[in-house]
Amino acid sequence: MTTEKVIPRRKRTGAHRVPATYAEYLAWEDESALVEWRDEELIVYMPPTDRHQDITGFLFGLLKDFVRLLNLGVVRIAPLEVKLWPDGPSREPDILFISHDQLGRLTPQRFEGGPDLVVEIVSTSSARADRVEKFIEYERAGVREYWLIDPRRGKEQADFYQVDAVGRFVSIGLNEDGLYHSAVLPGLKLDPTMLRTRDLPHSQLVLAALAKDLPQLADDVRAAYRALYDALARGTD
């Protein structure tokens, strides 16, 4: 007689870990849960807060439209399995960017390897994993850029990392303009202070502010975004 392993459902008290094989992780049926697998353990995270969802939605919308505008690849959002290396952990980043060069690694079930860009929105249940475990794993897997956005009250912080010449993550500060300049997505500039505001800006307004000055775009496209920016800016006054 075999005993079926009982895997806990999501709870609001934090992340839960239970011994499980990779096959058992793949057999998990609740697609609405954020579940990861590492070192023969299944990790089930607590449901995201409303603020977490708000920031994730804003950044996903901005990155998706920016990447589509410049035809750079695709942007995906959790839950989606990222198998970092063949016998390694499976993570589900909040947001990930995959360049055209890596699209062959994207299957209907998962992405295999390190995405070009990973964004994690820190929560109480994921803070250690995001800052320690995943930091090491993403670096090893060849992720080229890693954003850590912590929206928790009293702990608001945005950290940005890019790989150096030997493949190590190094912390990247803001430029003289007070903005973070992405290396993986040239032309993308982000003001981290906007992520601390109660009402996040309209993602299309932020996109238009970027696109109206992008040298990669044709003159008529930049002009169209300049007009869109002016219209949206007036609407937010």
Foldseek 3Di string as FASTA:
>chain_A
DDDDDDDDDADQPAKDKDAADPVVVVVDDPQVWFWKDFPRIIITGHDDDPLLVQVLVLVQVLVQVLCVVLVFAHKDAPPAWEAAADPGMTHGARMAGAGPVQCVQDDPRHGYFAGQEGEHEDDPRCPCCLVPVVLVSNLVRQHAKYWYAYQDPPPGDIWIWGQDPVSHTDTDAADPVQWDADPSRHQDTHNSVLSNDPDRDDSLLSNLVSQLPDPSDDPVRSVVSVVVNVVVVVVVD
